[in-house]
């Protein structure tokens, strides 16, 4: 039998591990492919094609070579089948009745269930419901004026309500629908309109930008240097030849912004939740180009950012609220995949706990991360220590700050075969029998301090001062400060964080901000009124 092009894509070829799934998918394709391809020719002129031969095939390619390229192990054959059929039929109502664009995801869901009930589709009722749900979540419901009336991803069944598949595993329709939704957004490139000539359509002026966006983008790719980033590739030669770079750059950035907003939304609501996809790491989509086009894009991007800051608008790519005329200090996370994994551990194990307590003189916090429980898991401890070791400078001496910092520092010392010591923070010293034993250095040429959480930086600053005072060292001997978490205040506060320490700070996770309050203005702080502190800040003597 002649091999079809879709068999080149893993999401299709992997169905052959259970041949019936591949044959059933092929049956569905043969029934509807002509309807889908013919329907695209009668769609309203406002729409780019929603056919099978370009659009659906592109989505299979994107799923196989970008979205799931390194995540197929999280899905079984039945889930792939449900996803593949959903891809095939997700835009069926754009062919059958394009006037219903605003509700086409709901209409397609109902269509699948009707077709299965009438015995025209080769799968059972529960599979039809799952396929319908995956289709439903791929596009929000909107009015004719484009106003969103239903966020369909949020309307999908919750984890406890998933149908159990033939293998005994629940069918995760939230993940499958999110995969389809992201792939659909990423299919904005020249392959989408291959074989279609815009001049053959009566395209009105408001519709032309949609076609132009497809013309000026090539097929997306995974960033070769950061596997958590998806690259959008402009056709810079075409853009230069057509001579309208200013308008095209704005269109490029519109696409980048739209897909990033969608990715952030899906990460927050699906991929990085307790029903997310194992191994998922994508966190950003960015335009990748060269030459003067890259400079134009950077200038326009900065202009847009400045305009938003001036207007006080929140940038969806930043967790911070823009504050005009304020200098923002930023921690750069190198290993985003590990950051996402650590956040997942905190969420899965419910380690973010509530409480209103003093963290230092003048400052109260309203929650805390149970890092002791986190680091008691040997696998978590190993991965975090390994993440630090990748950045550990040669010839250093590792110093653990407090109990959790010491546990990490000792693990790092074992991995890298470097000397290790520990330091007890002031608030814990009364519980130590012999405080002088805390510091014992073999080599003081380079010190690396290790802790679990940094909020204001006060504890680290005091530790640096104490070490330098006792050993009569200049502060520049501290080569780096490693922290698992940097918890950035929701209300901006930078006082007390020494610049010379901040520049040496390396963190694995900054995705869990903290709410702080000033004690003088915190009138209802029960901890302040009673002089209490949480046990993690001042341990109870047992």
Protein backbone atom coordinates (compact mmCIF):
# COMPACT_ATOMS: atom_id res chain seq x y z
CA UNK A 1 0.00 0.00 0.00
CA UNK A 2 1.27 3.47 -0.85
CA UNK A 3 2.47 5.41 2.17
CA UNK A 4 0.54 8.62 2.83
CA UNK A 5 2.35 11.81 3.83
CA UNK A 6 0.84 11.82 7.33
CA UNK A 7 2.72 8.62 8.16
CA UNK A 8 5.87 10.76 8.28
CA UNK A 9 4.51 12.33 11.47
CA UNK A 10 4.95 10.50 14.76
CA UNK A 11 1.47 11.30 16.06
CA UNK A 12 0.06 9.29 13.12
CA UNK A 13 2.70 6.59 12.65
CA UNK A 14 2.57 5.68 16.36
CA UNK A 15 -1.07 4.62 15.91
CA UNK A 16 0.29 1.59 14.08
CA UNK A 17 1.44 0.10 17.36
CA UNK A 18 -2.21 -0.91 17.63
CA UNK A 19 -3.24 -1.26 13.99
CA UNK A 20 -6.96 -0.83 14.60
CA UNK A 21 -6.44 2.75 15.74
CA UNK A 22 -4.55 3.62 12.55
CA UNK A 23 -7.20 1.99 10.35
CA UNK A 24 -10.01 3.77 12.22
CA UNK A 25 -8.25 7.12 11.85
CA UNK A 26 -7.76 6.40 8.13
CA UNK A 27 -11.47 5.60 7.81
CA UNK A 28 -12.44 8.93 9.37
CA UNK A 29 -10.00 10.75 7.11
CA UNK A 30 -11.38 9.12 3.97
CA UNK A 31 -14.94 10.07 4.94
CA UNK A 32 -14.31 13.75 5.59
CA UNK A 33 -11.19 14.87 3.72
CA UNK A 34 -13.11 15.82 0.57
CA UNK A 35 -15.68 17.78 2.59
CA UNK A 36 -12.96 19.66 4.42
CA UNK A 37 -10.97 20.52 1.29
CA UNK A 38 -14.02 21.47 -0.75
CA UNK A 39 -15.47 23.49 2.11
CA UNK A 40 -12.43 25.74 2.35
CA UNK A 41 -13.24 27.15 -1.08
CA UNK A 42 -16.65 28.42 0.04
CA UNK A 43 -15.59 30.02 3.33
CA UNK A 44 -16.15 33.72 3.85
CA UNK A 45 -13.41 35.86 2.40
CA UNK A 46 -12.38 36.94 5.91
CA UNK A 47 -10.87 33.53 6.65
CA UNK A 48 -7.63 31.85 5.70
CA UNK A 49 -8.11 28.17 4.69
CA UNK A 50 -9.32 25.63 7.26
CA UNK A 51 -8.82 22.64 4.99
CA UNK A 52 -7.35 19.20 5.51
CA UNK A 53 -4.57 19.10 2.93
CA UNK A 54 -2.76 22.14 4.38
CA UNK A 55 -4.16 23.05 7.79
CA UNK A 56 -4.74 19.63 9.35
CA UNK A 57 -1.55 18.18 7.88
CA UNK A 58 0.38 21.18 9.24
CA UNK A 59 -1.08 20.57 12.69
CA UNK A 60 0.00 16.92 12.63
CA UNK A 61 3.48 18.15 11.69
CA UNK A 62 3.55 20.75 14.49
CA UNK A 63 2.33 18.26 17.09
CA UNK A 64 4.89 15.65 16.02
CA UNK A 65 7.96 17.81 15.47
CA UNK A 66 7.43 20.62 17.98
CA UNK A 67 4.79 20.23 20.69
CA UNK A 68 5.17 16.52 21.42
CA UNK A 69 8.61 15.93 19.94
CA UNK A 70 10.02 15.16 23.38
CA UNK A 71 6.77 14.41 25.23
CA UNK A 72 5.16 11.46 23.44
CA UNK A 73 5.80 9.20 26.43
CA UNK A 74 3.05 11.02 28.31
CA UNK A 75 0.34 9.80 25.90
CA UNK A 76 -0.81 6.28 25.06
CA UNK A 77 -2.08 5.08 21.66
CA UNK A 78 -5.74 5.67 22.48
CA UNK A 79 -5.06 9.27 23.52
CA UNK A 80 -3.09 9.86 20.30
CA UNK A 81 -6.01 8.43 18.31
CA UNK A 82 -8.46 10.77 20.04
CA UNK A 83 -6.13 13.72 19.42
CA UNK A 84 -5.58 12.78 15.75
CA UNK A 85 -9.32 12.46 15.03
CA UNK A 86 -9.93 15.77 16.85
CA UNK A 87 -7.32 17.46 14.64
CA UNK A 88 -9.06 16.09 11.55
CA UNK A 89 -12.53 17.30 12.55
CA UNK A 90 -11.81 20.39 14.65
CA UNK A 91 -12.74 22.80 11.84
CA UNK A 92 -15.41 20.69 10.16
CA UNK A 93 -18.00 23.43 10.76
CA UNK A 94 -15.78 25.95 9.03
CA UNK A 95 -16.46 23.78 5.96
CA UNK A 96 -20.10 22.91 6.66
CA UNK A 97 -21.30 26.31 7.87
CA UNK A 98 -18.58 28.99 8.05
CA UNK A 99 -21.14 31.58 9.20
CA UNK A 100 -20.93 29.85 12.61
CA UNK A 101 -17.27 30.69 13.15
CA UNK A 102 -17.89 32.02 16.66
CA UNK A 103 -19.35 28.71 17.83
CA UNK A 104 -17.61 26.32 15.44
CA UNK A 105 -15.86 24.41 18.24
CA UNK A 106 -19.14 23.63 20.02
CA UNK A 107 -20.89 22.82 16.73
CA UNK A 108 -18.07 20.45 15.71
CA UNK A 109 -18.23 18.73 19.13
CA UNK A 110 -21.96 18.11 18.71
CA UNK A 111 -21.41 16.98 15.09
CA UNK A 112 -18.95 14.27 16.18
CA UNK A 113 -21.38 12.91 18.77
CA UNK A 114 -24.24 12.87 16.23
CA UNK A 115 -22.14 11.12 13.60
CA UNK A 116 -21.06 8.44 16.08
CA UNK A 117 -24.61 7.93 17.31
CA UNK A 118 -25.72 7.43 13.70
CA UNK A 119 -22.98 4.77 13.26
CA UNK A 120 -20.96 6.75 10.73
CA UNK A 121 -17.78 6.84 12.81
CA UNK A 122 -15.65 3.84 13.87
CA UNK A 123 -15.35 4.43 17.61
CA UNK A 124 -17.45 4.04 20.75
CA UNK A 125 -19.61 6.58 22.55
CA UNK A 126 -17.07 7.49 25.23
CA UNK A 127 -14.34 8.03 22.63
CA UNK A 128 -16.75 10.25 20.68
CA UNK A 129 -17.41 12.33 23.79
CA UNK A 130 -13.65 12.66 24.43
CA UNK A 131 -12.98 13.66 20.80
CA UNK A 132 -15.80 16.19 21.03
CA UNK A 133 -14.36 17.65 24.23
CA UNK A 134 -10.89 17.99 22.67
CA UNK A 135 -12.44 19.80 19.71
CA UNK A 136 -14.60 22.00 21.94
CA UNK A 137 -11.59 23.25 23.93
CA UNK A 138 -9.56 24.29 20.88
CA UNK A 139 -11.41 27.60 20.38
CA UNK A 140 -13.37 29.86 22.74
CA UNK A 141 -16.99 30.66 21.98
CA UNK A 142 -17.54 34.18 20.69
CA UNK A 143 -20.33 36.46 19.54
CA UNK A 144 -20.53 37.79 15.98
CA UNK A 145 -18.62 40.83 17.23
CA UNK A 146 -15.78 38.67 18.54
CA UNK A 147 -16.63 38.97 22.25
CA UNK A 148 -15.70 35.84 24.19
CA UNK A 149 -18.68 34.20 25.90
CA UNK A 150 -17.01 30.97 27.06
CA UNK A 151 -13.38 30.02 27.82
CA UNK A 152 -13.78 26.49 26.53
CA UNK A 153 -10.63 25.01 28.10
CA UNK A 154 -11.98 25.94 31.52
CA UNK A 155 -15.34 24.34 30.69
CA UNK A 156 -13.80 20.92 29.98
CA UNK A 157 -14.19 18.03 32.46
CA UNK A 158 -11.93 18.15 35.49
CA UNK A 159 -9.40 15.42 36.30
CA UNK A 160 -11.81 13.49 38.51
CA UNK A 161 -14.39 13.41 35.70
CA UNK A 162 -12.17 12.07 32.90
CA UNK A 163 -13.42 8.96 31.11
CA UNK A 164 -11.29 5.89 31.67
CA UNK A 165 -9.90 4.60 28.39
CA UNK A 166 -9.50 1.08 27.06
CA UNK A 167 -6.07 0.80 28.70
CA UNK A 168 -7.47 1.71 32.11
CA UNK A 169 -5.89 5.17 31.99
CA UNK A 170 -8.11 8.29 32.20
CA UNK A 171 -8.32 10.23 28.92
CA UNK A 172 -6.86 13.66 29.71
CA UNK A 173 -9.00 15.80 27.42
CA UNK A 174 -7.66 19.02 28.94
CA UNK A 175 -4.10 18.24 27.82
CA UNK A 176 -5.18 16.88 24.43
CA UNK A 177 -7.33 19.94 23.74
CA UNK A 178 -4.50 22.28 24.81
CA UNK A 179 -2.11 20.52 22.42
CA UNK A 180 -4.58 21.01 19.56
CA UNK A 181 -5.24 24.60 20.58
CA UNK A 182 -1.54 25.54 20.63
CA UNK A 183 -0.81 23.72 17.36
CA UNK A 184 -3.74 25.53 15.74
CA UNK A 185 -2.28 28.88 16.84
CA UNK A 186 1.18 27.94 15.52
CA UNK A 187 -0.15 27.11 12.07
CA UNK A 188 0.29 30.60 10.70
CA UNK A 189 2.83 30.22 7.91
CA UNK A 190 3.12 29.99 4.15
CA UNK A 191 2.26 26.26 4.12
CA UNK A 192 -1.21 27.17 5.42
CA UNK A 193 -2.06 28.98 2.17
CA UNK A 194 -0.06 26.82 -0.26
CA UNK A 195 -2.04 26.42 -3.48
CA UNK A 196 -4.34 29.35 -2.69
CA UNK A 197 -3.95 32.65 -4.50
CA UNK A 198 -5.29 35.59 -2.50
CA UNK A 199 -6.03 37.41 -5.76
CA UNK A 200 -8.58 34.70 -6.60
CA UNK A 201 -10.64 35.67 -3.54
CA UNK A 202 -12.73 38.73 -2.89
CA UNK A 203 -10.72 39.63 0.19
CA UNK A 204 -11.78 42.80 1.97
CA UNK A 205 -9.28 45.14 3.57
CA UNK A 206 -9.89 43.92 7.12
CA UNK A 207 -9.10 40.35 6.04
CA UNK A 208 -5.84 40.97 4.21
CA UNK A 209 -3.64 41.05 7.36
CA UNK A 210 -4.68 37.44 8.13
CA UNK A 211 -3.41 36.28 4.75
CA UNK A 212 -0.31 38.46 4.97
CA UNK A 213 0.67 36.92 8.32
CA UNK A 214 0.68 33.51 6.66
CA UNK A 215 2.69 34.82 3.71
CA UNK A 216 5.50 36.32 5.80
CA UNK A 217 6.03 33.43 8.23
CA UNK A 218 7.84 30.19 7.48
CA UNK A 219 7.20 26.97 9.41
CA UNK A 220 7.94 27.23 13.18
CA UNK A 221 10.82 25.36 14.86
CA UNK A 222 12.13 24.52 18.32
CA UNK A 223 14.95 26.86 19.34
CA UNK A 224 18.21 24.85 18.91
CA UNK A 225 19.85 26.40 22.00
CA UNK A 226 16.83 26.42 24.34
CA UNK A 227 14.40 23.53 23.91
CA UNK A 228 11.76 25.34 25.95
CA UNK A 229 11.36 28.09 23.33
CA UNK A 230 9.49 27.87 20.01
CA UNK A 231 10.87 29.98 17.18
CA UNK A 232 8.68 31.76 14.65
CA UNK A 233 10.63 32.18 11.41
CA UNK A 234 9.85 35.25 9.25
CA UNK A 235 10.53 35.08 5.50
CA UNK A 236 12.89 38.05 5.60
CA UNK A 237 13.68 37.87 1.88
CA UNK A 238 9.99 38.14 0.95
CA UNK A 239 9.47 40.95 3.45
CA UNK A 240 12.40 42.91 1.98
CA UNK A 241 11.33 42.26 -1.61
CA UNK A 242 7.78 43.49 -0.98
CA UNK A 243 9.14 46.69 0.56
CA UNK A 244 6.64 47.22 3.38
CA UNK A 245 8.80 46.26 6.34
CA UNK A 246 7.24 48.63 8.86
CA UNK A 247 3.75 47.15 8.44
CA UNK A 248 5.06 43.58 8.25
CA UNK A 249 7.09 43.94 11.47
CA UNK A 250 3.92 45.00 13.30
CA UNK A 251 2.14 41.92 11.97
CA UNK A 252 5.02 39.68 13.06
CA UNK A 253 4.85 41.05 16.58
CA UNK A 254 1.06 40.71 16.69
CA UNK A 255 1.43 36.99 15.97
CA UNK A 256 4.22 36.57 18.54
CA UNK A 257 2.16 38.34 21.19
CA UNK A 258 -1.02 36.37 20.44
CA UNK A 259 0.65 32.95 20.59
CA UNK A 260 2.61 33.84 23.73
CA UNK A 261 -0.57 34.95 25.46
CA UNK A 262 -2.17 31.64 24.53
CA UNK A 263 0.85 29.61 25.70
CA UNK A 264 0.95 31.41 29.06
CA UNK A 265 -2.77 30.78 29.49
CA UNK A 266 -2.45 27.05 28.68
CA UNK A 267 0.59 26.63 30.94
CA UNK A 268 -1.22 28.23 33.84
CA UNK A 269 -4.51 26.40 33.39
CA UNK A 270 -3.40 23.01 32.04
CA UNK A 271 0.21 22.10 31.30
CA UNK A 272 1.68 23.13 34.67
CA UNK A 273 -1.21 21.87 36.79
CA UNK A 274 -1.72 18.51 38.49
CA UNK A 275 -3.33 17.19 35.30
CA UNK A 276 -0.62 18.55 33.01
CA UNK A 277 1.73 16.77 30.63
CA UNK A 278 4.82 15.05 32.02
CA UNK A 279 8.03 16.59 30.70
CA UNK A 280 6.34 19.73 29.37
CA UNK A 281 8.74 22.69 29.27
CA UNK A 282 7.64 25.21 26.61
CA UNK A 283 7.28 28.67 28.12
CA UNK A 284 7.90 31.13 25.31
CA UNK A 285 7.41 31.78 21.61
CA UNK A 286 9.71 34.29 19.94
CA UNK A 287 10.54 35.60 16.49
CA UNK A 288 13.91 34.41 15.22
CA UNK A 289 15.53 36.27 12.36
CA UNK A 290 18.76 37.96 11.32
CA UNK A 291 20.16 41.11 9.74
CA UNK A 292 18.46 44.49 9.89
CA UNK A 293 15.00 42.91 10.14
CA UNK A 294 15.98 41.68 13.60
CA UNK A 295 16.95 45.24 14.57
CA UNK A 296 13.61 46.57 13.30
CA UNK A 297 11.73 43.94 15.30
CA UNK A 298 13.70 44.73 18.48
CA UNK A 299 13.02 48.47 18.10
CA UNK A 300 9.30 47.93 17.53
CA UNK A 301 9.09 45.46 20.41
CA UNK A 302 10.79 47.94 22.76
CA UNK A 303 8.48 50.71 21.56
CA UNK A 304 5.44 48.57 22.34
CA UNK A 305 6.84 47.71 25.76
CA UNK A 306 7.53 51.36 26.59
CA UNK A 307 4.02 52.32 25.49
CA UNK A 308 2.52 49.68 27.80
CA UNK A 309 4.65 50.76 30.76
CA UNK A 310 3.63 54.38 30.20
CA UNK A 311 -0.02 53.32 30.15
CA UNK A 312 0.37 51.02 33.19
CA UNK A 313 -0.66 47.98 31.12
CA UNK A 314 0.45 44.52 32.30
CA UNK A 315 2.63 42.67 29.81
CA UNK A 316 1.38 39.04 29.63
CA UNK A 317 4.99 37.88 29.21
CA UNK A 318 5.90 39.31 32.60
CA UNK A 319 4.52 38.48 36.03
CA UNK A 320 5.34 41.98 37.15
CA UNK A 321 3.11 45.04 37.01
CA UNK A 322 4.92 47.81 35.12
CA UNK A 323 5.78 50.66 37.45
CA UNK A 324 6.76 53.88 35.62
CA UNK A 325 10.09 55.40 36.60
CA UNK A 326 11.03 52.40 38.77
CA UNK A 327 14.14 50.33 38.21
CA UNK A 328 13.23 46.64 38.29
CA UNK A 329 15.84 44.08 39.30
CA UNK A 330 15.38 40.83 37.43
CA UNK A 331 16.54 37.31 38.19
CA UNK A 332 17.21 35.34 35.01
CA UNK A 333 16.25 31.65 35.12
CA UNK A 334 18.58 29.59 32.91
CA UNK A 335 16.88 26.20 33.21
CA UNK A 336 13.18 26.90 32.71
CA UNK A 337 12.35 23.19 32.46
CA UNK A 338 13.75 22.64 35.97
CA UNK A 339 11.95 25.74 37.25
CA UNK A 340 8.67 24.36 35.94
CA UNK A 341 9.42 20.96 37.47
CA UNK A 342 10.12 22.51 40.89
CA UNK A 343 6.88 24.52 40.70
CA UNK A 344 5.09 21.28 39.88
CA UNK A 345 6.59 19.59 42.96
CA UNK A 346 5.40 22.43 45.17
CA UNK A 347 1.88 22.30 43.70
CA UNK A 348 1.56 18.51 43.62
CA UNK A 349 2.72 18.08 47.20
CA UNK A 350 0.82 21.15 48.44
CA UNK A 351 3.95 22.75 49.88
CA UNK A 352 2.80 26.36 49.51
CA UNK A 353 1.19 26.99 52.89
CA UNK A 354 -0.75 29.93 54.25
CA UNK A 355 0.16 31.96 57.31
CA UNK A 356 0.76 35.53 58.42
CA UNK A 357 4.10 35.83 60.12
CA UNK A 358 7.23 37.91 60.63
CA UNK A 359 10.13 37.19 58.31
CA UNK A 360 12.34 40.04 59.51
CA UNK A 361 12.10 43.26 61.46
CA UNK A 362 9.43 45.42 59.90
CA UNK A 363 8.22 42.87 57.32
CA UNK A 364 5.44 40.27 57.46
CA UNK A 365 4.54 37.60 54.88
CA UNK A 366 1.27 35.80 54.22
CA UNK A 367 2.51 32.41 53.01
CA UNK A 368 5.58 30.14 52.98
CA UNK A 369 7.05 27.20 51.05
CA UNK A 370 7.71 24.06 53.09
CA UNK A 371 11.23 23.52 51.76
CA UNK A 372 12.01 21.03 54.50
CA UNK A 373 9.42 18.60 53.12
CA UNK A 374 10.57 19.36 49.59
CA UNK A 375 14.19 18.48 50.30
CA UNK A 376 13.33 15.41 52.35
CA UNK A 377 12.46 13.75 49.03
CA UNK A 378 15.81 12.31 47.83
CA UNK A 379 14.92 12.66 44.14
CA UNK A 380 13.97 16.33 44.51
CA UNK A 381 17.13 16.98 46.53
CA UNK A 382 19.28 15.27 43.89
CA UNK A 383 17.79 17.18 40.96
CA UNK A 384 18.02 20.56 42.70
CA UNK A 385 21.61 19.93 43.80
CA UNK A 386 22.50 18.86 40.25
CA UNK A 387 20.90 22.06 38.93
CA UNK A 388 23.20 24.07 41.19
CA UNK A 389 26.27 21.99 40.34
CA UNK A 390 25.93 22.94 36.68
CA UNK A 391 26.72 26.54 37.71
CA UNK A 392 29.24 25.87 40.45
CA UNK A 393 32.57 27.65 39.79
CA UNK A 394 35.81 25.68 39.93
CA UNK A 395 37.91 25.75 43.09
CA UNK A 396 35.12 26.95 45.37
CA UNK A 397 34.09 26.20 48.94
CA UNK A 398 30.36 25.60 49.45
CA UNK A 399 28.65 27.08 52.52
CA UNK A 400 25.13 26.02 53.48
CA UNK A 401 22.96 28.65 55.18
CA UNK A 402 20.58 27.07 57.68
CA UNK A 403 19.26 23.51 57.71
CA UNK A 404 17.92 23.33 54.15
CA UNK A 405 20.85 25.24 52.67
CA UNK A 406 23.23 22.88 54.45
CA UNK A 407 21.45 19.80 53.10
CA UNK A 408 21.83 21.14 49.57
CA UNK A 409 25.42 22.27 50.08
CA UNK A 410 26.46 18.85 51.38
CA UNK A 411 24.87 17.13 48.38
CA UNK A 412 26.63 19.54 46.02
CA UNK A 413 29.95 18.92 47.79
CA UNK A 414 29.53 15.17 47.28
CA UNK A 415 28.65 15.53 43.60
CA UNK A 416 31.50 17.94 42.80
CA UNK A 417 34.04 16.78 45.41
CA UNK A 418 34.54 20.26 46.85
CA UNK A 419 34.91 21.34 50.51
CA UNK A 420 31.73 22.10 52.42
CA UNK A 421 30.76 23.96 55.58
CA UNK A 422 27.60 25.46 57.05
CA UNK A 423 26.47 28.62 58.80
CA UNK A 424 23.66 28.96 61.30
CA UNK A 425 21.58 32.15 60.84
CA UNK A 426 21.21 34.41 63.88
CA UNK A 427 17.58 33.44 64.53
CA UNK A 428 18.56 29.77 64.95
CA UNK A 429 21.78 30.16 66.95
CA UNK A 430 20.28 29.82 70.40
CA UNK A 431 19.34 26.25 69.48
CA UNK A 432 22.93 25.33 68.54
CA UNK A 433 25.17 23.81 71.19
CA UNK A 434 28.50 25.05 69.78
CA UNK A 435 28.04 27.91 67.30
CA UNK A 436 31.77 28.21 66.59
CA UNK A 437 31.76 24.86 64.82
CA UNK A 438 29.56 26.28 62.09
CA UNK A 439 32.44 27.78 60.12
CA UNK A 440 35.44 25.65 59.30
CA UNK A 441 37.07 26.44 55.95
CA UNK A 442 39.79 24.58 54.09
CA UNK A 443 40.00 27.09 51.27
CA UNK A 444 38.59 30.60 51.25
CA UNK A 445 39.54 31.64 47.73
CA UNK A 446 35.93 31.38 46.43
CA UNK A 447 32.87 31.01 48.61
CA UNK A 448 29.48 29.90 47.28
CA UNK A 449 26.58 30.40 49.72
CA UNK A 450 23.59 28.05 49.38
CA UNK A 451 20.11 28.65 50.79
CA UNK A 452 16.55 27.52 50.15
CA UNK A 453 14.56 30.77 49.80
CA UNK A 454 15.44 34.42 49.26
CA UNK A 455 12.78 37.10 49.76
CA UNK A 456 14.31 40.35 51.00
CA UNK A 457 17.94 39.21 51.03
CA UNK A 458 18.43 40.16 54.69
CA UNK A 459 19.50 36.68 55.85
CA UNK A 460 22.03 36.33 53.03
CA UNK A 461 23.43 39.82 53.67
CA UNK A 462 23.93 39.01 57.36
CA UNK A 463 25.58 35.70 56.48
CA UNK A 464 28.04 37.42 54.12
CA UNK A 465 28.87 39.99 56.80
CA UNK A 466 29.40 37.31 59.45
CA UNK A 467 31.66 35.14 57.29
CA UNK A 468 33.76 38.09 56.15
CA UNK A 469 34.03 39.42 59.71
CA UNK A 470 35.04 36.12 61.30
CA UNK A 471 37.51 35.18 58.59
CA UNK A 472 38.66 38.75 57.92
CA UNK A 473 37.81 38.49 54.23
CA UNK A 474 36.65 41.10 51.72
CA UNK A 475 33.04 40.59 50.55
CA UNK A 476 34.23 39.94 46.98
CA UNK A 477 35.42 36.49 48.13
CA UNK A 478 31.74 35.46 47.95
CA UNK A 479 31.64 34.34 44.33
CA UNK A 480 27.95 33.40 44.18
CA UNK A 481 24.76 32.94 46.18
CA UNK A 482 22.60 29.96 45.20
CA UNK A 483 18.93 29.78 46.20
CA UNK A 484 16.26 27.28 45.18
CA UNK A 485 13.59 29.98 45.26
CA UNK A 486 13.68 33.72 44.83
CA UNK A 487 10.23 34.88 45.86
CA UNK A 488 9.62 38.25 44.32
CA UNK A 489 7.21 40.44 46.29
CA UNK A 490 3.81 40.99 44.68
CA UNK A 491 4.07 44.55 46.02
CA UNK A 492 7.46 45.78 44.82
CA UNK A 493 10.04 46.20 47.58
CA UNK A 494 13.77 46.38 46.89
CA UNK A 495 15.06 47.99 50.08
CA UNK A 496 17.56 45.96 52.06
CA UNK A 497 18.74 43.82 49.15
CA UNK A 498 22.37 44.74 48.68
CA UNK A 499 23.34 45.32 45.07
CA UNK A 500 26.69 43.55 45.47
CA UNK A 501 24.86 40.40 46.65
CA UNK A 502 22.01 40.63 44.14
CA UNK A 503 24.37 40.57 41.16
CA UNK A 504 25.81 37.24 42.42
CA UNK A 505 22.43 35.60 43.02
CA UNK A 506 21.57 32.46 41.05
CA UNK A 507 18.14 30.87 41.51
CA UNK A 508 16.34 27.85 40.11
CA UNK A 509 12.78 29.15 40.57
CA UNK A 510 11.15 32.57 40.69
CA UNK A 511 7.63 31.55 39.66
CA UNK A 512 6.07 31.68 43.15
CA UNK A 513 5.78 35.31 44.28
CA UNK A 514 5.06 36.32 47.86
CA UNK A 515 2.77 38.89 49.43
CA UNK A 516 4.56 41.11 51.93
CA UNK A 517 3.28 43.81 54.21
CA UNK A 518 4.96 46.45 56.34
CA UNK A 519 4.32 45.89 60.06
CA UNK A 520 3.43 49.53 60.87
CA UNK A 521 0.66 49.48 58.27
CA UNK A 522 -0.42 45.91 59.00
CA UNK A 523 -2.86 46.68 61.81
CA UNK A 524 -4.49 43.24 61.97
CA UNK A 525 -1.33 41.15 62.04
CA UNK A 526 -1.94 38.66 64.87
CA UNK A 527 1.71 37.58 64.77
CA UNK A 528 2.89 41.16 65.22
CA UNK A 529 0.44 41.85 68.05
CA UNK A 530 1.46 38.73 70.00
CA UNK A 531 5.14 38.81 69.08
CA UNK A 532 4.90 35.39 67.42
CA UNK A 533 6.90 33.91 64.60
CA UNK A 534 6.22 30.88 62.44
CA UNK A 535 8.14 27.74 63.46
CA UNK A 536 10.08 27.72 60.18
CA UNK A 537 11.56 31.08 61.15
CA UNK A 538 12.29 30.27 64.78
CA UNK A 539 12.32 26.54 65.57
CA UNK A 540 10.68 25.16 68.67
CA UNK A 541 13.05 23.44 71.07
CA UNK A 542 11.94 19.81 71.42
